[in-house]
PDB file of N, CA and C in Angstrom:
ATOM      1  N   MET A   1      10.024   5.920 -20.949  1.00  0.00           N
ATOM      2  CA  MET A   1       9.431   4.748 -21.546  1.00  0.00           C
ATOM      3  C   MET A   1       8.478   4.122 -20.534  1.00  0.00           C
ATOM      4  N   ASP A   2       7.273   3.819 -20.943  1.00  0.00           N
ATOM      5  CA  ASP A   2       6.281   3.222 -20.041  1.00  0.00           C
ATOM      6  C   ASP A   2       6.170   4.003 -18.738  1.00  0.00           C
ATOM      7  N   VAL A   3       5.843   5.265 -18.853  1.00  0.00           N
ATOM      8  CA  VAL A   3       5.771   6.131 -17.685  1.00  0.00           C
ATOM      9  C   VAL A   3       4.443   5.927 -16.966  1.00  0.00           C
ATOM     10  N   ALA A   4       4.512   5.629 -15.692  1.00  0.00           N
ATOM     11  CA  ALA A   4       3.340   5.510 -14.822  1.00  0.00           C
ATOM     12  C   ALA A   4       3.258   6.806 -14.010  1.00  0.00           C
ATOM     13  N   PRO A   5       2.208   6.991 -13.227  1.00  0.00           N
ATOM     14  CA  PRO A   5       2.083   8.241 -12.470  1.00  0.00           C
ATOM     15  C   PRO A   5       3.254   8.531 -11.524  1.00  0.00           C
ATOM     16  N   ARG A   6       3.842   7.479 -10.916  1.00  0.00           N
ATOM     17  CA  ARG A   6       4.897   7.706  -9.927  1.00  0.00           C
ATOM     18  C   ARG A   6       6.276   7.230 -10.359  1.00  0.00           C
ATOM     19  N   PHE A   7       6.379   6.478 -11.448  1.00  0.00           N
ATOM     20  CA  PHE A   7       7.678   5.948 -11.875  1.00  0.00           C
ATOM     21  C   PHE A   7       7.616   5.534 -13.337  1.00  0.00           C
ATOM     22  N   SER A   8       8.782   5.306 -13.912  1.00  0.00           N
ATOM     23  CA  SER A   8       8.887   4.775 -15.272  1.00  0.00           C
ATOM     24  C   SER A   8       9.359   3.334 -15.186  1.00  0.00           C
ATOM     25  N   HIS A   9       8.864   2.488 -16.061  1.00  0.00           N
ATOM     26  CA  HIS A   9       9.304   1.094 -16.065  1.00  0.00           C
ATOM     27  C   HIS A   9      10.731   0.966 -16.568  1.00  0.00           C
ATOM     28  N   ALA A  10      11.140   1.920 -17.411  1.00  0.00           N
ATOM     29  CA  ALA A  10      12.510   1.946 -17.916  1.00  0.00           C
ATOM     30  C   ALA A  10      12.884   3.390 -18.220  1.00  0.00           C
ATOM     31  N   VAL A  11      14.124   3.735 -17.928  1.00  0.00           N
ATOM     32  CA  VAL A  11      14.643   5.060 -18.230  1.00  0.00           C
ATOM     33  C   VAL A  11      15.949   4.872 -18.998  1.00  0.00           C
ATOM     34  N   VAL A  12      16.075   5.569 -20.114  1.00  0.00           N
ATOM     35  CA  VAL A  12      17.305   5.535 -20.892  1.00  0.00           C
ATOM     36  C   VAL A  12      18.029   6.861 -20.677  1.00  0.00           C
ATOM     37  N   HIS A  13      19.298   6.745 -20.296  1.00  0.00           N
ATOM     38  CA  HIS A  13      20.141   7.929 -20.106  1.00  0.00           C
ATOM     39  C   HIS A  13      21.501   7.624 -20.715  1.00  0.00           C
ATOM     40  N   ASP A  14      21.952   8.515 -21.578  1.00  0.00           N
ATOM     41  CA  ASP A  14      23.182   8.280 -22.327  1.00  0.00           C
ATOM     42  C   ASP A  14      23.082   6.930 -23.017  1.00  0.00           C
ATOM     43  N   LYS A  15      23.968   6.019 -22.708  1.00  0.00           N
ATOM     44  CA  LYS A  15      23.981   4.709 -23.370  1.00  0.00           C
ATOM     45  C   LYS A  15      23.620   3.594 -22.396  1.00  0.00           C
ATOM     46  N   THR A  16      22.768   3.951 -21.422  1.00  0.00           N
ATOM     47  CA  THR A  16      22.406   2.994 -20.377  1.00  0.00           C
ATOM     48  C   THR A  16      20.897   2.985 -20.184  1.00  0.00           C
ATOM     49  N   VAL A  17      20.348   1.796 -19.931  1.00  0.00           N
ATOM     50  CA  VAL A  17      18.929   1.665 -19.621  1.00  0.00           C
ATOM     51  C   VAL A  17      18.808   1.140 -18.190  1.00  0.00           C
ATOM     52  N   TYR A  18      17.956   1.800 -17.426  1.00  0.00           N
ATOM     53  CA  TYR A  18      17.691   1.449 -16.031  1.00  0.00           C
ATOM     54  C   TYR A  18      16.257   0.945 -15.943  1.00  0.00           C
ATOM     55  N   LEU A  19      16.080  -0.271 -15.462  1.00  0.00           N
ATOM     56  CA  LEU A  19      14.734  -0.810 -15.302  1.00  0.00           C
ATOM     57  C   LEU A  19      14.296  -0.686 -13.852  1.00  0.00           C
ATOM     58  N   THR A  20      13.024  -0.406 -13.681  1.00  0.00           N
ATOM     59  CA  THR A  20      12.447  -0.454 -12.348  1.00  0.00           C
ATOM     60  C   THR A  20      12.421  -1.918 -11.903  1.00  0.00           C
ATOM     61  N   GLY A  21      12.215  -2.162 -10.640  1.00  0.00           N
ATOM     62  CA  GLY A  21      12.140  -3.540 -10.154  1.00  0.00           C
ATOM     63  C   GLY A  21      11.028  -4.287 -10.859  1.00  0.00           C
ATOM     64  N   GLN A  22      11.358  -5.447 -11.402  1.00  0.00           N
ATOM     65  CA  GLN A  22      10.379  -6.270 -12.103  1.00  0.00           C
ATOM     66  C   GLN A  22       9.870  -7.352 -11.155  1.00  0.00           C
ATOM     67  N   VAL A  23       8.573  -7.544 -11.182  1.00  0.00           N
ATOM     68  CA  VAL A  23       7.910  -8.490 -10.291  1.00  0.00           C
ATOM     69  C   VAL A  23       7.152  -9.517 -11.127  1.00  0.00           C
ATOM     70  N   PRO A  24       6.750 -10.624 -10.517  1.00  0.00           N
ATOM     71  CA  PRO A  24       6.065 -11.663 -11.279  1.00  0.00           C
ATOM     72  C   PRO A  24       4.702 -11.226 -11.807  1.00  0.00           C
ATOM     73  N   ASP A  25       4.339 -11.785 -12.931  1.00  0.00           N
ATOM     74  CA  ASP A  25       3.017 -11.589 -13.511  1.00  0.00           C
ATOM     75  C   ASP A  25       1.968 -12.135 -12.541  1.00  0.00           C
ATOM     76  N   LYS A  26       0.808 -11.534 -12.532  1.00  0.00           N
ATOM     77  CA  LYS A  26      -0.268 -11.950 -11.610  1.00  0.00           C
ATOM     78  C   LYS A  26      -0.607 -13.430 -11.740  1.00  0.00           C
ATOM     79  N   SER A  27      -0.449 -13.980 -12.933  1.00  0.00           N
ATOM     80  CA  SER A  27      -0.803 -15.388 -13.136  1.00  0.00           C
ATOM     81  C   SER A  27       0.149 -16.340 -12.411  1.00  0.00           C
ATOM     82  N   THR A  28       1.288 -15.843 -11.941  1.00  0.00           N
ATOM     83  CA  THR A  28       2.275 -16.710 -11.285  1.00  0.00           C
ATOM     84  C   THR A  28       2.338 -16.498  -9.777  1.00  0.00           C
ATOM     85  N   LEU A  29       1.482 -15.667  -9.220  1.00  0.00           N
ATOM     86  CA  LEU A  29       1.601 -15.311  -7.813  1.00  0.00           C
ATOM     87  C   LEU A  29       1.474 -16.490  -6.862  1.00  0.00           C
ATOM     88  N   GLU A  30       0.665 -17.463  -7.201  1.00  0.00           N
ATOM     89  CA  GLU A  30       0.495 -18.620  -6.321  1.00  0.00           C
ATOM     90  C   GLU A  30       1.533 -19.707  -6.601  1.00  0.00           C
ATOM     91  N   LEU A  31       2.446 -19.454  -7.539  1.00  0.00           N
ATOM     92  CA  LEU A  31       3.411 -20.475  -7.950  1.00  0.00           C
ATOM     93  C   LEU A  31       4.753 -20.295  -7.241  1.00  0.00           C
ATOM     94  N   ASP A  32       5.683 -21.214  -7.510  1.00  0.00           N
ATOM     95  CA  ASP A  32       6.981 -21.208  -6.844  1.00  0.00           C
ATOM     96  C   ASP A  32       7.920 -20.159  -7.438  1.00  0.00           C
ATOM     97  N   ALA A  33       9.109 -20.057  -6.837  1.00  0.00           N
ATOM     98  CA  ALA A  33      10.091 -19.062  -7.269  1.00  0.00           C
ATOM     99  C   ALA A  33      10.583 -19.317  -8.686  1.00  0.00           C
ATOM    100  N   THR A  34      10.582 -20.564  -9.127  1.00  0.00           N
ATOM    101  CA  THR A  34      10.984 -20.864 -10.502  1.00  0.00           C
ATOM    102  C   THR A  34      10.062 -20.158 -11.483  1.00  0.00           C
ATOM    103  N   LYS A  35       8.762 -20.340 -11.338  1.00  0.00           N
ATOM    104  CA  LYS A  35       7.794 -19.730 -12.261  1.00  0.00           C
ATOM    105  C   LYS A  35       7.793 -18.210 -12.115  1.00  0.00           C
ATOM    106  N   GLN A  36       7.921 -17.716 -10.897  1.00  0.00           N
ATOM    107  CA  GLN A  36       7.963 -16.259 -10.711  1.00  0.00           C
ATOM    108  C   GLN A  36       9.212 -15.668 -11.359  1.00  0.00           C
ATOM    109  N   THR A  37      10.342 -16.340 -11.247  1.00  0.00           N
ATOM    110  CA  THR A  37      11.572 -15.855 -11.878  1.00  0.00           C
ATOM    111  C   THR A  37      11.431 -15.853 -13.393  1.00  0.00           C
ATOM    112  N   GLU A  38      10.878 -16.913 -13.950  1.00  0.00           N
ATOM    113  CA  GLU A  38      10.659 -16.967 -15.403  1.00  0.00           C
ATOM    114  C   GLU A  38       9.807 -15.790 -15.868  1.00  0.00           C
ATOM    115  N   SER A  39       8.774 -15.465 -15.111  1.00  0.00           N
ATOM    116  CA  SER A  39       7.905 -14.341 -15.442  1.00  0.00           C
ATOM    117  C   SER A  39       8.663 -13.019 -15.393  1.00  0.00           C
ATOM    118  N   ILE A  40       9.446 -12.841 -14.357  1.00  0.00           N
ATOM    119  CA  ILE A  40      10.230 -11.611 -14.192  1.00  0.00           C
ATOM    120  C   ILE A  40      11.236 -11.459 -15.329  1.00  0.00           C
ATOM    121  N   LEU A  41      11.945 -12.517 -15.655  1.00  0.00           N
ATOM    122  CA  LEU A  41      12.967 -12.431 -16.708  1.00  0.00           C
ATOM    123  C   LEU A  41      12.339 -12.173 -18.071  1.00  0.00           C
ATOM    124  N   LYS A  42      11.148 -12.682 -18.301  1.00  0.00           N
ATOM    125  CA  LYS A  42      10.424 -12.379 -19.544  1.00  0.00           C
ATOM    126  C   LYS A  42      10.133 -10.881 -19.626  1.00  0.00           C
ATOM    127  N   SER A  43       9.717 -10.280 -18.521  1.00  0.00           N
ATOM    128  CA  SER A  43       9.462  -8.831 -18.490  1.00  0.00           C
ATOM    129  C   SER A  43      10.741  -8.038 -18.715  1.00  0.00           C
ATOM    130  N   ILE A  44      11.814  -8.469 -18.073  1.00  0.00           N
ATOM    131  CA  ILE A  44      13.105  -7.790 -18.247  1.00  0.00           C
ATOM    132  C   ILE A  44      13.531  -7.837 -19.700  1.00  0.00           C
ATOM    133  N   GLU A  45      13.440  -9.005 -20.294  1.00  0.00           N
ATOM    134  CA  GLU A  45      13.837  -9.172 -21.693  1.00  0.00           C
ATOM    135  C   GLU A  45      13.012  -8.264 -22.612  1.00  0.00           C
ATOM    136  N   SER A  46      11.724  -8.194 -22.378  1.00  0.00           N
ATOM    137  CA  SER A  46      10.839  -7.356 -23.190  1.00  0.00           C
ATOM    138  C   SER A  46      11.195  -5.876 -23.054  1.00  0.00           C
ATOM    139  N   LEU A  47      11.366  -5.411 -21.828  1.00  0.00           N
ATOM    140  CA  LEU A  47      11.710  -4.003 -21.610  1.00  0.00           C
ATOM    141  C   LEU A  47      13.069  -3.657 -22.204  1.00  0.00           C
ATOM    142  N   LEU A  48      14.044  -4.529 -22.034  1.00  0.00           N
ATOM    143  CA  LEU A  48      15.368  -4.263 -22.609  1.00  0.00           C
ATOM    144  C   LEU A  48      15.286  -4.188 -24.131  1.00  0.00           C
ATOM    145  N   ASP A  49      14.533  -5.078 -24.740  1.00  0.00           N
ATOM    146  CA  ASP A  49      14.372  -5.074 -26.193  1.00  0.00           C
ATOM    147  C   ASP A  49      13.761  -3.761 -26.666  1.00  0.00           C
ATOM    148  N   ARG A  50      12.708  -3.335 -25.994  1.00  0.00           N
ATOM    149  CA  ARG A  50      12.038  -2.087 -26.386  1.00  0.00           C
ATOM    150  C   ARG A  50      12.929  -0.869 -26.180  1.00  0.00           C
ATOM    151  N   ALA A  51      13.867  -0.955 -25.247  1.00  0.00           N
ATOM    152  CA  ALA A  51      14.774   0.169 -24.970  1.00  0.00           C
ATOM    153  C   ALA A  51      15.994   0.159 -25.889  1.00  0.00           C
ATOM    154  N   GLY A  52      16.203  -0.936 -26.628  1.00  0.00           N
ATOM    155  CA  GLY A  52      17.363  -1.015 -27.514  1.00  0.00           C
ATOM    156  C   GLY A  52      18.543  -1.739 -26.884  1.00  0.00           C
ATOM    157  N   SER A  53      18.255  -2.704 -26.047  1.00  0.00           N
ATOM    158  CA  SER A  53      19.304  -3.486 -25.396  1.00  0.00           C
ATOM    159  C   SER A  53      18.862  -4.949 -25.370  1.00  0.00           C
ATOM    160  N   ASP A  54      19.613  -5.787 -24.687  1.00  0.00           N
ATOM    161  CA  ASP A  54      19.222  -7.182 -24.498  1.00  0.00           C
ATOM    162  C   ASP A  54      19.947  -7.752 -23.291  1.00  0.00           C
ATOM    163  N   LYS A  55      19.605  -8.982 -22.929  1.00  0.00           N
ATOM    164  CA  LYS A  55      20.130  -9.577 -21.699  1.00  0.00           C
ATOM    165  C   LYS A  55      21.634  -9.789 -21.726  1.00  0.00           C
ATOM    166  N   SER A  56      22.245  -9.823 -22.908  1.00  0.00           N
ATOM    167  CA  SER A  56      23.702  -9.969 -22.985  1.00  0.00           C
ATOM    168  C   SER A  56      24.423  -8.684 -22.585  1.00  0.00           C
ATOM    169  N   ARG A  57      23.678  -7.595 -22.449  1.00  0.00           N
ATOM    170  CA  ARG A  57      24.281  -6.291 -22.146  1.00  0.00           C
ATOM    171  C   ARG A  57      23.960  -5.820 -20.728  1.00  0.00           C
ATOM    172  N   ILE A  58      23.413  -6.703 -19.893  1.00  0.00           N
ATOM    173  CA  ILE A  58      23.123  -6.335 -18.508  1.00  0.00           C
ATOM    174  C   ILE A  58      24.435  -6.106 -17.764  1.00  0.00           C
ATOM    175  N   LEU A  59      24.539  -4.959 -17.132  1.00  0.00           N
ATOM    176  CA  LEU A  59      25.734  -4.594 -16.378  1.00  0.00           C
ATOM    177  C   LEU A  59      25.634  -5.005 -14.918  1.00  0.00           C
ATOM    178  N   SER A  60      24.446  -4.799 -14.340  1.00  0.00           N
ATOM    179  CA  SER A  60      24.256  -5.150 -12.934  1.00  0.00           C
ATOM    180  C   SER A  60      22.807  -5.549 -12.695  1.00  0.00           C
ATOM    181  N   ALA A  61      22.632  -6.352 -11.653  1.00  0.00           N
ATOM    182  CA  ALA A  61      21.300  -6.800 -11.257  1.00  0.00           C
ATOM    183  C   ALA A  61      21.233  -6.811  -9.732  1.00  0.00           C
ATOM    184  N   THR A  62      20.061  -6.439  -9.221  1.00  0.00           N
ATOM    185  CA  THR A  62      19.805  -6.542  -7.791  1.00  0.00           C
ATOM    186  C   THR A  62      18.565  -7.410  -7.623  1.00  0.00           C
ATOM    187  N   CYS A  63      18.704  -8.459  -6.807  1.00  0.00           N
ATOM    188  CA  CYS A  63      17.616  -9.400  -6.569  1.00  0.00           C
ATOM    189  C   CYS A  63      17.166  -9.262  -5.118  1.00  0.00           C
ATOM    190  N   TYR A  64      15.885  -9.042  -4.934  1.00  0.00           N
ATOM    191  CA  TYR A  64      15.299  -8.884  -3.605  1.00  0.00           C
ATOM    192  C   TYR A  64      14.451 -10.113  -3.307  1.00  0.00           C
ATOM    193  N   PHE A  65      14.729 -10.782  -2.183  1.00  0.00           N
ATOM    194  CA  PHE A  65      14.025 -12.005  -1.808  1.00  0.00           C
ATOM    195  C   PHE A  65      13.258 -11.816  -0.509  1.00  0.00           C
ATOM    196  N   THR A  66      12.033 -12.321  -0.479  1.00  0.00           N
ATOM    197  CA  THR A  66      11.308 -12.334   0.791  1.00  0.00           C
ATOM    198  C   THR A  66      11.825 -13.465   1.668  1.00  0.00           C
ATOM    199  N   ASN A  67      12.243 -14.579   1.038  1.00  0.00           N
ATOM    200  CA  ASN A  67      12.773 -15.727   1.772  1.00  0.00           C
ATOM    201  C   ASN A  67      13.902 -16.339   0.943  1.00  0.00           C
ATOM    202  N   ILE A  68      15.101 -15.842   1.138  1.00  0.00           N
ATOM    203  CA  ILE A  68      16.237 -16.260   0.304  1.00  0.00           C
ATOM    204  C   ILE A  68      16.593 -17.728   0.500  1.00  0.00           C
ATOM    205  N   GLU A  69      16.420 -18.238   1.729  1.00  0.00           N
ATOM    206  CA  GLU A  69      16.732 -19.641   1.987  1.00  0.00           C
ATOM    207  C   GLU A  69      15.841 -20.568   1.158  1.00  0.00           C
ATOM    208  N   ARG A  70      14.601 -20.210   0.982  1.00  0.00           N
ATOM    209  CA  ARG A  70      13.641 -21.030   0.240  1.00  0.00           C
ATOM    210  C   ARG A  70      13.793 -20.854  -1.275  1.00  0.00           C
ATOM    211  N   ASP A  71      14.083 -19.634  -1.726  1.00  0.00           N
ATOM    212  CA  ASP A  71      13.921 -19.307  -3.147  1.00  0.00           C
ATOM    213  C   ASP A  71      15.199 -19.057  -3.936  1.00  0.00           C
ATOM    214  N   PHE A  72      16.323 -18.875  -3.273  1.00  0.00           N
ATOM    215  CA  PHE A  72      17.555 -18.495  -3.975  1.00  0.00           C
ATOM    216  C   PHE A  72      17.990 -19.543  -4.998  1.00  0.00           C
ATOM    217  N   GLN A  73      17.984 -20.800  -4.618  1.00  0.00           N
ATOM    218  CA  GLN A  73      18.434 -21.853  -5.528  1.00  0.00           C
ATOM    219  C   GLN A  73      17.536 -21.941  -6.767  1.00  0.00           C
ATOM    220  N   GLN A  74      16.215 -21.867  -6.572  1.00  0.00           N
ATOM    221  CA  GLN A  74      15.294 -21.929  -7.722  1.00  0.00           C
ATOM    222  C   GLN A  74      15.524 -20.752  -8.660  1.00  0.00           C
ATOM    223  N   MET A  75      15.666 -19.558  -8.090  1.00  0.00           N
ATOM    224  CA  MET A  75      15.909 -18.381  -8.923  1.00  0.00           C
ATOM    225  C   MET A  75      17.220 -18.530  -9.680  1.00  0.00           C
ATOM    226  N   ASN A  76      18.262 -18.971  -8.996  1.00  0.00           N
ATOM    227  CA  ASN A  76      19.583 -19.099  -9.615  1.00  0.00           C
ATOM    228  C   ASN A  76      19.580 -20.085 -10.780  1.00  0.00           C
ATOM    229  N   GLU A  77      18.845 -21.175 -10.663  1.00  0.00           N
ATOM    230  CA  GLU A  77      18.775 -22.153 -11.757  1.00  0.00           C
ATOM    231  C   GLU A  77      18.166 -21.533 -13.013  1.00  0.00           C
ATOM    232  N   VAL A  78      17.084 -20.785 -12.843  1.00  0.00           N
ATOM    233  CA  VAL A  78      16.438 -20.125 -13.982  1.00  0.00           C
ATOM    234  C   VAL A  78      17.355 -19.034 -14.540  1.00  0.00           C
ATOM    235  N   TRP A  79      17.934 -18.238 -13.660  1.00  0.00           N
ATOM    236  CA  TRP A  79      18.820 -17.130 -14.045  1.00  0.00           C
ATOM    237  C   TRP A  79      20.000 -17.649 -14.864  1.00  0.00           C
ATOM    238  N   THR A  80      20.639 -18.723 -14.394  1.00  0.00           N
ATOM    239  CA  THR A  80      21.820 -19.260 -15.065  1.00  0.00           C
ATOM    240  C   THR A  80      21.481 -19.760 -16.466  1.00  0.00           C
ATOM    241  N   LYS A  81      20.348 -20.413 -16.632  1.00  0.00           N
ATOM    242  CA  LYS A  81      19.916 -20.895 -17.955  1.00  0.00           C
ATOM    243  C   LYS A  81      19.552 -19.733 -18.879  1.00  0.00           C
ATOM    244  N   TRP A  82      19.039 -18.657 -18.309  1.00  0.00           N
ATOM    245  CA  TRP A  82      18.555 -17.513 -19.087  1.00  0.00           C
ATOM    246  C   TRP A  82      19.693 -16.666 -19.625  1.00  0.00           C
ATOM    247  N   LEU A  83      20.761 -16.500 -18.854  1.00  0.00           N
ATOM    248  CA  LEU A  83      21.873 -15.644 -19.282  1.00  0.00           C
ATOM    249  C   LEU A  83      22.666 -16.280 -20.417  1.00  0.00           C
ATOM    250  N   PRO A  84      23.074 -15.454 -21.381  1.00  0.00           N
ATOM    251  CA  PRO A  84      23.966 -15.974 -22.418  1.00  0.00           C
ATOM    252  C   PRO A  84      25.336 -16.312 -21.796  1.00  0.00           C
ATOM    253  N   PRO A  85      26.028 -17.323 -22.313  1.00  0.00           N
ATOM    254  CA  PRO A  85      27.350 -17.660 -21.787  1.00  0.00           C
ATOM    255  C   PRO A  85      28.288 -16.445 -21.820  1.00  0.00           C
ATOM    256  N   GLY A  86      29.016 -16.243 -20.737  1.00  0.00           N
ATOM    257  CA  GLY A  86      29.984 -15.146 -20.658  1.00  0.00           C
ATOM    258  C   GLY A  86      29.377 -13.784 -20.403  1.00  0.00           C
ATOM    259  N   ALA A  87      28.070 -13.715 -20.117  1.00  0.00           N
ATOM    260  CA  ALA A  87      27.409 -12.413 -19.951  1.00  0.00           C
ATOM    261  C   ALA A  87      26.879 -12.191 -18.536  1.00  0.00           C
ATOM    262  N   ALA A  88      27.453 -12.861 -17.554  1.00  0.00           N
ATOM    263  CA  ALA A  88      26.970 -12.689 -16.179  1.00  0.00           C
ATOM    264  C   ALA A  88      27.299 -11.279 -15.679  1.00  0.00           C
ATOM    265  N   PRO A  89      26.292 -10.536 -15.218  1.00  0.00           N
ATOM    266  CA  PRO A  89      26.526  -9.181 -14.722  1.00  0.00           C
ATOM    267  C   PRO A  89      26.995  -9.189 -13.267  1.00  0.00           C
ATOM    268  N   ALA A  90      27.404  -8.036 -12.787  1.00  0.00           N
ATOM    269  CA  ALA A  90      27.589  -7.868 -11.351  1.00  0.00           C
ATOM    270  C   ALA A  90      26.206  -8.026 -10.731  1.00  0.00           C
ATOM    271  N   ARG A  91      26.138  -8.735  -9.599  1.00  0.00           N
ATOM    272  CA  ARG A  91      24.818  -9.003  -9.031  1.00  0.00           C
ATOM    273  C   ARG A  91      24.864  -8.958  -7.511  1.00  0.00           C
ATOM    274  N   THR A  92      23.789  -8.414  -6.948  1.00  0.00           N
ATOM    275  CA  THR A  92      23.606  -8.354  -5.507  1.00  0.00           C
ATOM    276  C   THR A  92      22.291  -9.030  -5.174  1.00  0.00           C
ATOM    277  N   SER A  93      22.278  -9.817  -4.100  1.00  0.00           N
ATOM    278  CA  SER A  93      21.041 -10.454  -3.637  1.00  0.00           C
ATOM    279  C   SER A  93      20.783 -10.028  -2.203  1.00  0.00           C
ATOM    280  N   LEU A  94      19.576  -9.573  -1.945  1.00  0.00           N
ATOM    281  CA  LEU A  94      19.195  -9.108  -0.618  1.00  0.00           C
ATOM    282  C   LEU A  94      18.101  -9.994  -0.058  1.00  0.00           C
ATOM    283  N   ALA A  95      18.206 -10.318   1.228  1.00  0.00           N
ATOM    284  CA  ALA A  95      17.285 -11.259   1.870  1.00  0.00           C
ATOM    285  C   ALA A  95      16.353 -10.565   2.846  1.00  0.00           C
ATOM    286  N   GLY A  96      15.211 -11.240   3.088  1.00  0.00           N
ATOM    287  CA  GLY A  96      14.281 -10.767   4.104  1.00  0.00           C
ATOM    288  C   GLY A  96      13.595  -9.461   3.768  1.00  0.00           C
ATOM    289  N   ILE A  97      13.407  -9.204   2.498  1.00  0.00           N
ATOM    290  CA  ILE A  97      12.800  -7.956   2.044  1.00  0.00           C
ATOM    291  C   ILE A  97      11.280  -8.096   2.064  1.00  0.00           C
ATOM    292  N   LYS A  98      10.605  -7.092   2.556  1.00  0.00           N
ATOM    293  CA  LYS A  98       9.142  -7.062   2.505  1.00  0.00           C
ATOM    294  C   LYS A  98       8.754  -6.339   1.214  1.00  0.00           C
ATOM    295  N   LEU A  99       8.206  -7.089   0.271  1.00  0.00           N
ATOM    296  CA  LEU A  99       7.821  -6.520  -1.022  1.00  0.00           C
ATOM    297  C   LEU A  99       6.382  -6.008  -0.959  1.00  0.00           C
ATOM    298  N   ALA A 100       5.983  -5.239  -1.952  1.00  0.00           N
ATOM    299  CA  ALA A 100       4.673  -4.581  -1.950  1.00  0.00           C
ATOM    300  C   ALA A 100       3.498  -5.563  -1.955  1.00  0.00           C
ATOM    301  N   ASP A 101       3.687  -6.726  -2.552  1.00  0.00           N
ATOM    302  CA  ASP A 101       2.635  -7.753  -2.565  1.00  0.00           C
ATOM    303  C   ASP A 101       3.171  -8.962  -1.802  1.00  0.00           C
ATOM    304  N   PRO A 102       2.476  -9.436  -0.801  1.00  0.00           N
ATOM    305  CA  PRO A 102       2.983 -10.563  -0.009  1.00  0.00           C
ATOM    306  C   PRO A 102       3.120 -11.869  -0.790  1.00  0.00           C
ATOM    307  N   LEU A 103       2.524 -11.964  -1.980  1.00  0.00           N
ATOM    308  CA  LEU A 103       2.654 -13.172  -2.798  1.00  0.00           C
ATOM    309  C   LEU A 103       3.898 -13.158  -3.682  1.00  0.00           C
ATOM    310  N   TRP A 104       4.534 -11.992  -3.829  1.00  0.00           N
ATOM    311  CA  TRP A 104       5.773 -11.918  -4.595  1.00  0.00           C
ATOM    312  C   TRP A 104       6.873 -12.581  -3.787  1.00  0.00           C
ATOM    313  N   LYS A 105       7.607 -13.477  -4.408  1.00  0.00           N
ATOM    314  CA  LYS A 105       8.729 -14.129  -3.748  1.00  0.00           C
ATOM    315  C   LYS A 105      10.033 -13.369  -3.993  1.00  0.00           C
ATOM    316  N   LEU A 106      10.080 -12.627  -5.105  1.00  0.00           N
ATOM    317  CA  LEU A 106      11.274 -11.868  -5.436  1.00  0.00           C
ATOM    318  C   LEU A 106      10.955 -10.740  -6.396  1.00  0.00           C
ATOM    319  N   GLU A 107      11.906  -9.839  -6.493  1.00  0.00           N
ATOM    320  CA  GLU A 107      11.857  -8.705  -7.406  1.00  0.00           C
ATOM    321  C   GLU A 107      13.268  -8.513  -7.936  1.00  0.00           C
ATOM    322  N   ILE A 108      13.398  -8.185  -9.221  1.00  0.00           N
ATOM    323  CA  ILE A 108      14.723  -8.029  -9.814  1.00  0.00           C
ATOM    324  C   ILE A 108      14.801  -6.696 -10.565  1.00  0.00           C
ATOM    325  N   THR A 109      15.867  -5.970 -10.312  1.00  0.00           N
ATOM    326  CA  THR A 109      16.154  -4.708 -10.987  1.00  0.00           C
ATOM    327  C   THR A 109      17.452  -4.877 -11.789  1.00  0.00           C
ATOM    328  N   VAL A 110      17.483  -4.363 -13.013  1.00  0.00           N
ATOM    329  CA  VAL A 110      18.717  -4.436 -13.802  1.00  0.00           C
ATOM    330  C   VAL A 110      19.058  -3.083 -14.422  1.00  0.00           C
ATOM    331  N   VAL A 111      20.351  -2.949 -14.720  1.00  0.00           N
ATOM    332  CA  VAL A 111      20.899  -1.831 -15.482  1.00  0.00           C
ATOM    333  C   VAL A 111      21.646  -2.459 -16.643  1.00  0.00           C
ATOM    334  N   ALA A 112      21.426  -1.953 -17.848  1.00  0.00           N
ATOM    335  CA  ALA A 112      22.061  -2.532 -19.042  1.00  0.00           C
ATOM    336  C   ALA A 112      22.584  -1.447 -19.980  1.00  0.00           C
ATOM    337  N   ALA A 113      23.586  -1.800 -20.741  1.00  0.00           N
ATOM    338  CA  ALA A 113      24.106  -0.914 -21.764  1.00  0.00           C
ATOM    339  C   ALA A 113      23.223  -1.037 -23.012  1.00  0.00           C
ATOM    340  N   LEU A 114      23.093   0.064 -23.728  1.00  0.00           N
ATOM    341  CA  LEU A 114      22.374   0.030 -25.004  1.00  0.00           C
ATOM    342  C   LEU A 114      23.275  -0.586 -26.069  1.00  0.00           C
ATOM    343  N   LYS A 115      22.664  -1.045 -27.143  1.00  0.00           N
ATOM    344  CA  LYS A 115      23.431  -1.632 -28.252  1.00  0.00           C
ATOM    345  C   LYS A 115      24.182  -0.539 -28.982  1.00  0.00           C
TER     346      LYS A 115
END
């Protein structure tokens, strides 16, 4: 699904969908972690929908932060509001990551079950 030259944006195997790391939309690059997180979660939601899943079926998430001290709380506030009640996945957060674009504050990867 959405195959690029070097990677796929989403891969479905058996009853699981694996998303590549989602990054903020270009329009949010100069904005704070709140707006970047909102952009990322919108992309995740869209990809999961197209793959036959949704955010209530996320099994695990990995969050990569360039500056976790600055951005973790903002991301968490958006994340908590976005998740359906009772659907919190297993989650890992990594700090001090150098991402491909220096304006990205975070990147999020998820694995979800299909419907």
